[in-house]
Amino acid sequence: MKFMGRIKTKELFLGLIPFIVLLALWIFSIQFGWMPKWFLPSPMKVWDSFVHLFSDGTVVKILSESMINLVPPYFLAILTSFILGVLIGTSTTAKKIFFPFIATLYPIPSLAWLPFMIILFGFTRETVWILLFISTFLKMIYNMISGVRNVNPIWILAAKNLGLSKFQIIIHVIIPGALPDIMTAVRIGFGSIWRSVVATEMLVSGAGGLGKFIWTAQWSFSFEKIFVGIFLIAVISILFETFIFKRIEAKTLEKWGVVQGDEE
């Protein structure tokens, strides 16, 4: 246990080195005037701004708005990409129907649809939802299909020899076997939608959120607020990865028998 503790401490320290170097460069640039103070505020000024924004409820408000913008299209994209991924991965006919359409849409940036969405729905949350759904779905679908198609064929053959129907094989063999790729798709999807929601909020002001906060701060030359926004983007991403996705992945894969749980 002590040895494992030392390894984790060493990993943590090594992981902090780039951040320490970046912070040192930041402080030195302020100290020696490498950058104008109005453009690059000091770390203390950014921290004071964060404390003020947190205490007056602004942080909670903008993060809540961003979550409202993010959650519905994210879960809809997961559900849709999962169903289509299984369908395309297990059916040649479904692949011939859907895959060319998906392959055509994939290289088109989601923001290219923005003018049409604004004409149809205005600068509203519905516009944000549609754009985020398109972007996230296309980021996840290929991993879903790949996971389904790469399931060990010996497992499928064994299931057929046991007399399982195609539906039973999908439920009991293909989905569990594809879980690593499915979980990868879910994580990639969140990384994509979290970046996209900030960018979309900058352009669709009616949706509010973290993107609008950063965009507004830019035009008022409140660069300490921009740094606060960047800090929040990074922290939220790390928190979701560490405390949600890693735990869900471990529990899900363990439950389905894809990996063994840690021995006590």
C-alpha atoms as a PDB file:
ATOM      1  CA  MET A   1       0.000   0.000   0.000  1.00  0.00           C
ATOM      2  CA  LYS A   2       2.832   2.413   0.858  1.00  0.00           C
ATOM      3  CA  PHE A   3       4.519   1.557  -2.450  1.00  0.00           C
ATOM      4  CA  MET A   4       1.310   2.261  -4.393  1.00  0.00           C
ATOM      5  CA  GLY A   5       0.915   5.498  -2.477  1.00  0.00           C
ATOM      6  CA  ARG A   6       4.423   6.592  -3.454  1.00  0.00           C
ATOM      7  CA  ILE A   7       3.713   5.755  -7.122  1.00  0.00           C
ATOM      8  CA  LYS A   8       0.526   7.839  -7.129  1.00  0.00           C
ATOM      9  CA  THR A   9       2.302  10.731  -5.415  1.00  0.00           C
ATOM     10  CA  LYS A  10       5.084  10.580  -8.004  1.00  0.00           C
ATOM     11  CA  GLU A  11       2.546  10.471 -10.862  1.00  0.00           C
ATOM     12  CA  LEU A  12       0.714  13.452  -9.374  1.00  0.00           C
ATOM     13  CA  PHE A  13       3.939  15.440  -9.055  1.00  0.00           C
ATOM     14  CA  LEU A  14       5.024  14.636 -12.622  1.00  0.00           C
ATOM     15  CA  GLY A  15       1.600  15.619 -13.898  1.00  0.00           C
ATOM     16  CA  LEU A  16       1.829  18.962 -12.105  1.00  0.00           C
ATOM     17  CA  ILE A  17       5.185  19.932 -13.639  1.00  0.00           C
ATOM     18  CA  PRO A  18       3.747  21.558 -16.818  1.00  0.00           C
ATOM     19  CA  PHE A  19       1.254  23.532 -14.724  1.00  0.00           C
ATOM     20  CA  ILE A  20       3.976  24.706 -12.341  1.00  0.00           C
ATOM     21  CA  VAL A  21       6.144  25.815 -15.266  1.00  0.00           C
ATOM     22  CA  LEU A  22       3.206  27.633 -16.861  1.00  0.00           C
ATOM     23  CA  LEU A  23       2.359  29.371 -13.580  1.00  0.00           C
ATOM     24  CA  ALA A  24       5.994  30.407 -13.134  1.00  0.00           C
ATOM     25  CA  LEU A  25       6.100  31.871 -16.643  1.00  0.00           C
ATOM     26  CA  TRP A  26       2.851  33.689 -15.927  1.00  0.00           C
ATOM     27  CA  ILE A  27       4.245  35.226 -12.730  1.00  0.00           C
ATOM     28  CA  PHE A  28       7.549  36.155 -14.381  1.00  0.00           C
ATOM     29  CA  SER A  29       5.767  37.802 -17.317  1.00  0.00           C
ATOM     30  CA  ILE A  30       3.836  39.970 -14.850  1.00  0.00           C
ATOM     31  CA  GLN A  31       6.896  40.681 -12.708  1.00  0.00           C
ATOM     32  CA  PHE A  32       9.145  41.733 -15.603  1.00  0.00           C
ATOM     33  CA  GLY A  33       6.448  43.363 -17.710  1.00  0.00           C
ATOM     34  CA  TRP A  34       6.707  40.991 -20.655  1.00  0.00           C
ATOM     35  CA  MET A  35       2.982  41.443 -21.283  1.00  0.00           C
ATOM     36  CA  PRO A  36       0.752  44.461 -20.537  1.00  0.00           C
ATOM     37  CA  LYS A  37      -1.174  44.054 -17.266  1.00  0.00           C
ATOM     38  CA  TRP A  38      -4.498  44.958 -18.867  1.00  0.00           C
ATOM     39  CA  PHE A  39      -4.070  41.981 -21.206  1.00  0.00           C
ATOM     40  CA  LEU A  40      -2.516  39.477 -18.815  1.00  0.00           C
ATOM     41  CA  PRO A  41      -3.814  39.944 -15.248  1.00  0.00           C
ATOM     42  CA  SER A  42      -1.898  38.480 -12.322  1.00  0.00           C
ATOM     43  CA  PRO A  43      -2.852  35.042 -10.937  1.00  0.00           C
ATOM     44  CA  MET A  44      -3.994  36.734  -7.713  1.00  0.00           C
ATOM     45  CA  LYS A  45      -6.313  39.073  -9.612  1.00  0.00           C
ATOM     46  CA  VAL A  46      -7.804  36.111 -11.464  1.00  0.00           C
ATOM     47  CA  TRP A  47      -8.272  34.261  -8.171  1.00  0.00           C
ATOM     48  CA  ASP A  48      -9.931  37.278  -6.549  1.00  0.00           C
ATOM     49  CA  SER A  49     -12.254  37.527  -9.544  1.00  0.00           C
ATOM     50  CA  PHE A  50     -13.142  33.841  -9.239  1.00  0.00           C
ATOM     51  CA  VAL A  51     -13.884  34.178  -5.511  1.00  0.00           C
ATOM     52  CA  HIS A  52     -16.099  37.198  -6.156  1.00  0.00           C
ATOM     53  CA  LEU A  53     -17.964  35.519  -9.024  1.00  0.00           C
ATOM     54  CA  PHE A  54     -18.439  32.370  -6.975  1.00  0.00           C
ATOM     55  CA  SER A  55     -19.659  34.199  -3.883  1.00  0.00           C
ATOM     56  CA  ASP A  56     -22.234  36.265  -5.779  1.00  0.00           C
ATOM     57  CA  GLY A  57     -23.623  33.188  -7.537  1.00  0.00           C
ATOM     58  CA  THR A  58     -22.385  34.005 -11.041  1.00  0.00           C
ATOM     59  CA  VAL A  59     -20.312  30.830 -11.358  1.00  0.00           C
ATOM     60  CA  VAL A  60     -23.211  28.607 -10.357  1.00  0.00           C
ATOM     61  CA  LYS A  61     -25.547  30.469 -12.713  1.00  0.00           C
ATOM     62  CA  ILE A  62     -23.377  30.242 -15.825  1.00  0.00           C
ATOM     63  CA  LEU A  63     -22.439  26.610 -15.190  1.00  0.00           C
ATOM     64  CA  SER A  64     -26.110  25.713 -14.667  1.00  0.00           C
ATOM     65  CA  GLU A  65     -27.007  27.365 -17.963  1.00  0.00           C
ATOM     66  CA  SER A  66     -24.233  25.483 -19.755  1.00  0.00           C
ATOM     67  CA  MET A  67     -25.400  22.176 -18.247  1.00  0.00           C
ATOM     68  CA  ILE A  68     -28.946  22.883 -19.425  1.00  0.00           C
ATOM     69  CA  ASN A  69     -27.545  23.531 -22.888  1.00  0.00           C
ATOM     70  CA  LEU A  70     -25.396  20.400 -22.784  1.00  0.00           C
ATOM     71  CA  VAL A  71     -27.288  17.579 -21.068  1.00  0.00           C
ATOM     72  CA  PRO A  72     -30.339  17.024 -23.364  1.00  0.00           C
ATOM     73  CA  PRO A  73     -28.414  16.849 -26.677  1.00  0.00           C
ATOM     74  CA  TYR A  74     -25.638  14.799 -25.062  1.00  0.00           C
ATOM     75  CA  PHE A  75     -27.906  12.045 -23.786  1.00  0.00           C
ATOM     76  CA  LEU A  76     -29.942  12.060 -26.987  1.00  0.00           C
ATOM     77  CA  ALA A  77     -26.711  11.722 -28.989  1.00  0.00           C
ATOM     78  CA  ILE A  78     -25.589   8.800 -26.791  1.00  0.00           C
ATOM     79  CA  LEU A  79     -28.917   7.012 -27.244  1.00  0.00           C
ATOM     80  CA  THR A  80     -29.113   7.625 -30.987  1.00  0.00           C
ATOM     81  CA  SER A  81     -25.493   6.735 -31.733  1.00  0.00           C
ATOM     82  CA  PHE A  82     -25.759   3.589 -29.578  1.00  0.00           C
ATOM     83  CA  ILE A  83     -28.912   2.320 -31.319  1.00  0.00           C
ATOM     84  CA  LEU A  84     -27.624   3.139 -34.807  1.00  0.00           C
ATOM     85  CA  GLY A  85     -24.160   1.823 -33.964  1.00  0.00           C
ATOM     86  CA  VAL A  86     -25.557  -1.550 -32.919  1.00  0.00           C
ATOM     87  CA  LEU A  87     -27.891  -1.610 -35.917  1.00  0.00           C
ATOM     88  CA  ILE A  88     -25.197  -0.717 -38.462  1.00  0.00           C
ATOM     89  CA  GLY A  89     -22.638  -2.981 -36.797  1.00  0.00           C
ATOM     90  CA  THR A  90     -24.882  -6.033 -36.872  1.00  0.00           C
ATOM     91  CA  SER A  91     -26.833  -5.539 -40.095  1.00  0.00           C
ATOM     92  CA  THR A  92     -25.344  -5.263 -43.576  1.00  0.00           C
ATOM     93  CA  THR A  93     -28.581  -3.773 -44.878  1.00  0.00           C
ATOM     94  CA  ALA A  94     -28.604  -1.086 -42.170  1.00  0.00           C
ATOM     95  CA  LYS A  95     -24.980  -0.282 -42.968  1.00  0.00           C
ATOM     96  CA  LYS A  96     -25.814   0.207 -46.648  1.00  0.00           C
ATOM     97  CA  ILE A  97     -28.720   2.506 -45.742  1.00  0.00           C
ATOM     98  CA  PHE A  98     -27.215   4.689 -43.016  1.00  0.00           C
ATOM     99  CA  PHE A  99     -23.427   4.627 -43.401  1.00  0.00           C
ATOM    100  CA  PRO A 100     -23.164   6.696 -46.620  1.00  0.00           C
ATOM    101  CA  PHE A 101     -25.387   9.375 -45.069  1.00  0.00           C
ATOM    102  CA  ILE A 102     -23.310   9.491 -41.870  1.00  0.00           C
ATOM    103  CA  ALA A 103     -20.059   9.533 -43.854  1.00  0.00           C
ATOM    104  CA  THR A 104     -21.365  12.492 -45.868  1.00  0.00           C
ATOM    105  CA  LEU A 105     -22.306  14.506 -42.778  1.00  0.00           C
ATOM    106  CA  TYR A 106     -19.170  13.711 -40.762  1.00  0.00           C
ATOM    107  CA  PRO A 107     -16.695  16.155 -42.400  1.00  0.00           C
ATOM    108  CA  ILE A 108     -19.163  19.060 -42.268  1.00  0.00           C
ATOM    109  CA  PRO A 109     -18.454  21.293 -39.212  1.00  0.00           C
ATOM    110  CA  SER A 110     -21.527  21.536 -37.009  1.00  0.00           C
ATOM    111  CA  LEU A 111     -21.253  25.344 -36.987  1.00  0.00           C
ATOM    112  CA  ALA A 112     -21.859  25.287 -40.749  1.00  0.00           C
ATOM    113  CA  TRP A 113     -25.492  24.540 -39.886  1.00  0.00           C
ATOM    114  CA  LEU A 114     -25.712  27.575 -37.606  1.00  0.00           C
ATOM    115  CA  PRO A 115     -27.183  30.064 -40.134  1.00  0.00           C
ATOM    116  CA  PHE A 116     -30.005  27.661 -40.993  1.00  0.00           C
ATOM    117  CA  MET A 117     -30.713  26.895 -37.342  1.00  0.00           C
ATOM    118  CA  ILE A 118     -30.824  30.599 -36.465  1.00  0.00           C
ATOM    119  CA  ILE A 119     -33.280  31.254 -39.311  1.00  0.00           C
ATOM    120  CA  LEU A 120     -35.497  28.407 -38.102  1.00  0.00           C
ATOM    121  CA  PHE A 121     -35.251  28.822 -34.319  1.00  0.00           C
ATOM    122  CA  GLY A 122     -33.535  32.180 -33.725  1.00  0.00           C
ATOM    123  CA  PHE A 123     -30.874  32.799 -31.080  1.00  0.00           C
ATOM    124  CA  THR A 124     -32.461  30.273 -28.735  1.00  0.00           C
ATOM    125  CA  ARG A 125     -31.537  27.197 -26.730  1.00  0.00           C
ATOM    126  CA  GLU A 126     -33.179  24.975 -29.353  1.00  0.00           C
ATOM    127  CA  THR A 127     -30.555  26.105 -31.868  1.00  0.00           C
ATOM    128  CA  VAL A 128     -27.801  25.172 -29.412  1.00  0.00           C
ATOM    129  CA  TRP A 129     -29.357  21.754 -28.739  1.00  0.00           C
ATOM    130  CA  ILE A 130     -29.588  20.859 -32.432  1.00  0.00           C
ATOM    131  CA  LEU A 131     -26.020  21.934 -33.206  1.00  0.00           C
ATOM    132  CA  LEU A 132     -24.624  20.097 -30.195  1.00  0.00           C
ATOM    133  CA  PHE A 133     -26.589  16.956 -31.005  1.00  0.00           C
ATOM    134  CA  ILE A 134     -25.267  16.873 -34.579  1.00  0.00           C
ATOM    135  CA  SER A 135     -21.683  17.460 -33.463  1.00  0.00           C
ATOM    136  CA  THR A 136     -21.713  14.929 -30.622  1.00  0.00           C
ATOM    137  CA  PHE A 137     -23.576  12.213 -32.515  1.00  0.00           C
ATOM    138  CA  LEU A 138     -21.053  12.308 -35.349  1.00  0.00           C
ATOM    139  CA  LYS A 139     -18.144  12.169 -32.880  1.00  0.00           C
ATOM    140  CA  MET A 140     -19.524   9.021 -31.203  1.00  0.00           C
ATOM    141  CA  ILE A 141     -21.117   6.961 -33.954  1.00  0.00           C
ATOM    142  CA  TYR A 142     -17.897   5.629 -35.487  1.00  0.00           C
ATOM    143  CA  ASN A 143     -16.635   4.309 -32.135  1.00  0.00           C
ATOM    144  CA  MET A 144     -20.004   2.677 -31.531  1.00  0.00           C
ATOM    145  CA  ILE A 145     -19.944   0.943 -34.927  1.00  0.00           C
ATOM    146  CA  SER A 146     -16.300  -0.069 -34.543  1.00  0.00           C
ATOM    147  CA  GLY A 147     -16.912  -1.551 -31.101  1.00  0.00           C
ATOM    148  CA  VAL A 148     -19.827  -3.652 -32.322  1.00  0.00           C
ATOM    149  CA  ARG A 149     -18.040  -4.898 -35.439  1.00  0.00           C
ATOM    150  CA  ASN A 150     -14.835  -5.778 -33.573  1.00  0.00           C
ATOM    151  CA  VAL A 151     -16.432  -8.116 -31.038  1.00  0.00           C
ATOM    152  CA  ASN A 152     -14.599 -11.438 -31.030  1.00  0.00           C
ATOM    153  CA  PRO A 153     -16.337 -13.600 -33.689  1.00  0.00           C
ATOM    154  CA  ILE A 154     -15.593 -16.724 -31.653  1.00  0.00           C
ATOM    155  CA  TRP A 155     -17.894 -15.406 -28.912  1.00  0.00           C
ATOM    156  CA  ILE A 156     -20.676 -14.891 -31.453  1.00  0.00           C
ATOM    157  CA  LEU A 157     -20.134 -18.361 -32.941  1.00  0.00           C
ATOM    158  CA  ALA A 158     -20.233 -19.933 -29.483  1.00  0.00           C
ATOM    159  CA  ALA A 159     -23.480 -18.088 -28.710  1.00  0.00           C
ATOM    160  CA  LYS A 160     -25.025 -19.377 -31.958  1.00  0.00           C
ATOM    161  CA  ASN A 161     -23.981 -22.927 -31.098  1.00  0.00           C
ATOM    162  CA  LEU A 162     -25.722 -22.517 -27.752  1.00  0.00           C
ATOM    163  CA  GLY A 163     -28.935 -21.679 -29.604  1.00  0.00           C
ATOM    164  CA  LEU A 164     -29.174 -17.955 -28.772  1.00  0.00           C
ATOM    165  CA  SER A 165     -31.289 -15.821 -31.084  1.00  0.00           C
ATOM    166  CA  LYS A 166     -29.808 -12.820 -32.873  1.00  0.00           C
ATOM    167  CA  PHE A 167     -31.432 -10.472 -30.356  1.00  0.00           C
ATOM    168  CA  GLN A 168     -30.026 -12.485 -27.437  1.00  0.00           C
ATOM    169  CA  ILE A 169     -26.580 -12.461 -29.032  1.00  0.00           C
ATOM    170  CA  ILE A 170     -26.741  -8.661 -29.336  1.00  0.00           C
ATOM    171  CA  ILE A 171     -27.818  -8.236 -25.702  1.00  0.00           C
ATOM    172  CA  HIS A 172     -25.605 -10.849 -24.052  1.00  0.00           C
ATOM    173  CA  VAL A 173     -22.535 -10.967 -26.309  1.00  0.00           C
ATOM    174  CA  ILE A 174     -22.142  -8.021 -28.671  1.00  0.00           C
ATOM    175  CA  ILE A 175     -23.045  -5.137 -26.338  1.00  0.00           C
ATOM    176  CA  PRO A 176     -20.856  -6.401 -23.440  1.00  0.00           C
ATOM    177  CA  GLY A 177     -18.023  -7.116 -25.868  1.00  0.00           C
ATOM    178  CA  ALA A 178     -18.292  -3.650 -27.371  1.00  0.00           C
ATOM    179  CA  LEU A 179     -18.450  -1.847 -24.014  1.00  0.00           C
ATOM    180  CA  PRO A 180     -14.834  -0.565 -24.027  1.00  0.00           C
ATOM    181  CA  ASP A 181     -15.425   1.180 -27.364  1.00  0.00           C
ATOM    182  CA  ILE A 182     -18.866   2.356 -26.285  1.00  0.00           C
ATOM    183  CA  MET A 183     -17.441   3.943 -23.139  1.00  0.00           C
ATOM    184  CA  THR A 184     -14.672   5.515 -25.212  1.00  0.00           C
ATOM    185  CA  ALA A 185     -17.335   6.996 -27.485  1.00  0.00           C
ATOM    186  CA  VAL A 186     -19.223   8.406 -24.500  1.00  0.00           C
ATOM    187  CA  ARG A 187     -16.074  10.058 -23.149  1.00  0.00           C
ATOM    188  CA  ILE A 188     -15.078  11.427 -26.555  1.00  0.00           C
ATOM    189  CA  GLY A 189     -18.625  12.705 -26.948  1.00  0.00           C
ATOM    190  CA  PHE A 190     -18.485  14.602 -23.688  1.00  0.00           C
ATOM    191  CA  GLY A 191     -15.128  16.173 -24.539  1.00  0.00           C
ATOM    192  CA  SER A 192     -16.534  17.238 -27.885  1.00  0.00           C
ATOM    193  CA  ILE A 193     -19.818  18.613 -26.571  1.00  0.00           C
ATOM    194  CA  TRP A 194     -18.146  20.451 -23.678  1.00  0.00           C
ATOM    195  CA  ARG A 195     -15.896  22.301 -26.117  1.00  0.00           C
ATOM    196  CA  SER A 196     -18.731  22.849 -28.563  1.00  0.00           C
ATOM    197  CA  VAL A 197     -21.186  24.176 -25.988  1.00  0.00           C
ATOM    198  CA  VAL A 198     -18.799  26.987 -25.043  1.00  0.00           C
ATOM    199  CA  ALA A 199     -18.207  27.898 -28.697  1.00  0.00           C
ATOM    200  CA  THR A 200     -21.910  27.758 -29.527  1.00  0.00           C
ATOM    201  CA  GLU A 201     -22.879  29.880 -26.531  1.00  0.00           C
ATOM    202  CA  MET A 202     -20.516  32.568 -27.784  1.00  0.00           C
ATOM    203  CA  LEU A 203     -22.475  32.735 -31.038  1.00  0.00           C
ATOM    204  CA  VAL A 204     -26.001  32.104 -29.725  1.00  0.00           C
ATOM    205  CA  SER A 205     -26.223  34.644 -26.930  1.00  0.00           C
ATOM    206  CA  GLY A 206     -29.795  33.761 -26.017  1.00  0.00           C
ATOM    207  CA  ALA A 207     -28.619  30.452 -24.543  1.00  0.00           C
ATOM    208  CA  GLY A 208     -26.416  32.112 -21.890  1.00  0.00           C
ATOM    209  CA  GLY A 209     -23.826  29.946 -20.206  1.00  0.00           C
ATOM    210  CA  LEU A 210     -20.060  29.938 -19.926  1.00  0.00           C
ATOM    211  CA  GLY A 211     -19.485  30.814 -23.579  1.00  0.00           C
ATOM    212  CA  LYS A 212     -21.582  33.973 -23.359  1.00  0.00           C
ATOM    213  CA  PHE A 213     -19.796  34.892 -20.116  1.00  0.00           C
ATOM    214  CA  ILE A 214     -16.362  34.672 -21.800  1.00  0.00           C
ATOM    215  CA  TRP A 215     -17.583  36.476 -24.926  1.00  0.00           C
ATOM    216  CA  THR A 216     -19.071  39.338 -22.889  1.00  0.00           C
ATOM    217  CA  ALA A 217     -15.919  39.607 -20.779  1.00  0.00           C
ATOM    218  CA  GLN A 218     -13.851  39.975 -23.941  1.00  0.00           C
ATOM    219  CA  TRP A 219     -15.766  43.016 -25.138  1.00  0.00           C
ATOM    220  CA  SER A 220     -15.571  44.680 -21.737  1.00  0.00           C
ATOM    221  CA  PHE A 221     -11.798  43.961 -21.579  1.00  0.00           C
ATOM    222  CA  SER A 222     -12.300  42.006 -18.339  1.00  0.00           C
ATOM    223  CA  PHE A 223      -9.503  39.578 -19.096  1.00  0.00           C
ATOM    224  CA  GLU A 224      -9.425  38.248 -15.539  1.00  0.00           C
ATOM    225  CA  LYS A 225     -12.965  36.970 -16.152  1.00  0.00           C
ATOM    226  CA  ILE A 226     -11.823  35.296 -19.365  1.00  0.00           C
ATOM    227  CA  PHE A 227      -9.162  33.457 -17.386  1.00  0.00           C
ATOM    228  CA  VAL A 228     -11.792  32.447 -14.846  1.00  0.00           C
ATOM    229  CA  GLY A 229     -13.890  31.058 -17.695  1.00  0.00           C
ATOM    230  CA  ILE A 230     -10.935  29.101 -19.095  1.00  0.00           C
ATOM    231  CA  PHE A 231     -10.195  27.794 -15.603  1.00  0.00           C
ATOM    232  CA  LEU A 232     -13.800  26.612 -15.203  1.00  0.00           C
ATOM    233  CA  ILE A 233     -13.738  24.852 -18.587  1.00  0.00           C
ATOM    234  CA  ALA A 234     -10.645  22.880 -17.575  1.00  0.00           C
ATOM    235  CA  VAL A 235     -11.843  22.079 -14.049  1.00  0.00           C
ATOM    236  CA  ILE A 236     -15.264  20.843 -15.135  1.00  0.00           C
ATOM    237  CA  SER A 237     -13.655  18.596 -17.749  1.00  0.00           C
ATOM    238  CA  ILE A 238     -11.229  17.114 -15.202  1.00  0.00           C
ATOM    239  CA  LEU A 239     -13.984  16.580 -12.624  1.00  0.00           C
ATOM    240  CA  PHE A 240     -16.217  14.761 -15.093  1.00  0.00           C
ATOM    241  CA  GLU A 241     -13.353  12.586 -16.309  1.00  0.00           C
ATOM    242  CA  THR A 242     -12.077  11.720 -12.829  1.00  0.00           C
ATOM    243  CA  PHE A 243     -15.214  11.363 -10.751  1.00  0.00           C
ATOM    244  CA  ILE A 244     -17.836  10.325 -13.316  1.00  0.00           C
ATOM    245  CA  PHE A 245     -16.512   8.668 -16.454  1.00  0.00           C
ATOM    246  CA  LYS A 246     -13.719   6.642 -14.885  1.00  0.00           C
ATOM    247  CA  ARG A 247     -16.046   5.324 -12.166  1.00  0.00           C
ATOM    248  CA  ILE A 248     -18.894   4.587 -14.559  1.00  0.00           C
ATOM    249  CA  GLU A 249     -16.493   2.819 -16.903  1.00  0.00           C
ATOM    250  CA  ALA A 250     -15.007   0.688 -14.130  1.00  0.00           C
ATOM    251  CA  LYS A 251     -18.388  -0.266 -12.653  1.00  0.00           C
ATOM    252  CA  THR A 252     -19.995  -0.950 -16.038  1.00  0.00           C
ATOM    253  CA  LEU A 253     -17.175  -3.078 -17.403  1.00  0.00           C
ATOM    254  CA  GLU A 254     -16.924  -4.975 -14.125  1.00  0.00           C
ATOM    255  CA  LYS A 255     -20.680  -5.628 -14.029  1.00  0.00           C
ATOM    256  CA  TRP A 256     -20.710  -7.021 -17.552  1.00  0.00           C
ATOM    257  CA  GLY A 257     -17.649  -9.159 -16.882  1.00  0.00           C
ATOM    258  CA  VAL A 258     -15.424  -7.408 -19.417  1.00  0.00           C
ATOM    259  CA  VAL A 259     -12.821  -6.759 -16.737  1.00  0.00           C
ATOM    260  CA  GLN A 260     -12.360  -8.183 -13.274  1.00  0.00           C
ATOM    261  CA  GLY A 261     -12.931  -5.987 -10.262  1.00  0.00           C
ATOM    262  CA  ASP A 262     -10.031  -5.152  -7.960  1.00  0.00           C
ATOM    263  CA  GLU A 263      -9.308  -7.775  -5.415  1.00  0.00           C
ATOM    264  CA  GLU A 264      -9.753  -6.764  -1.837  1.00  0.00           C
END
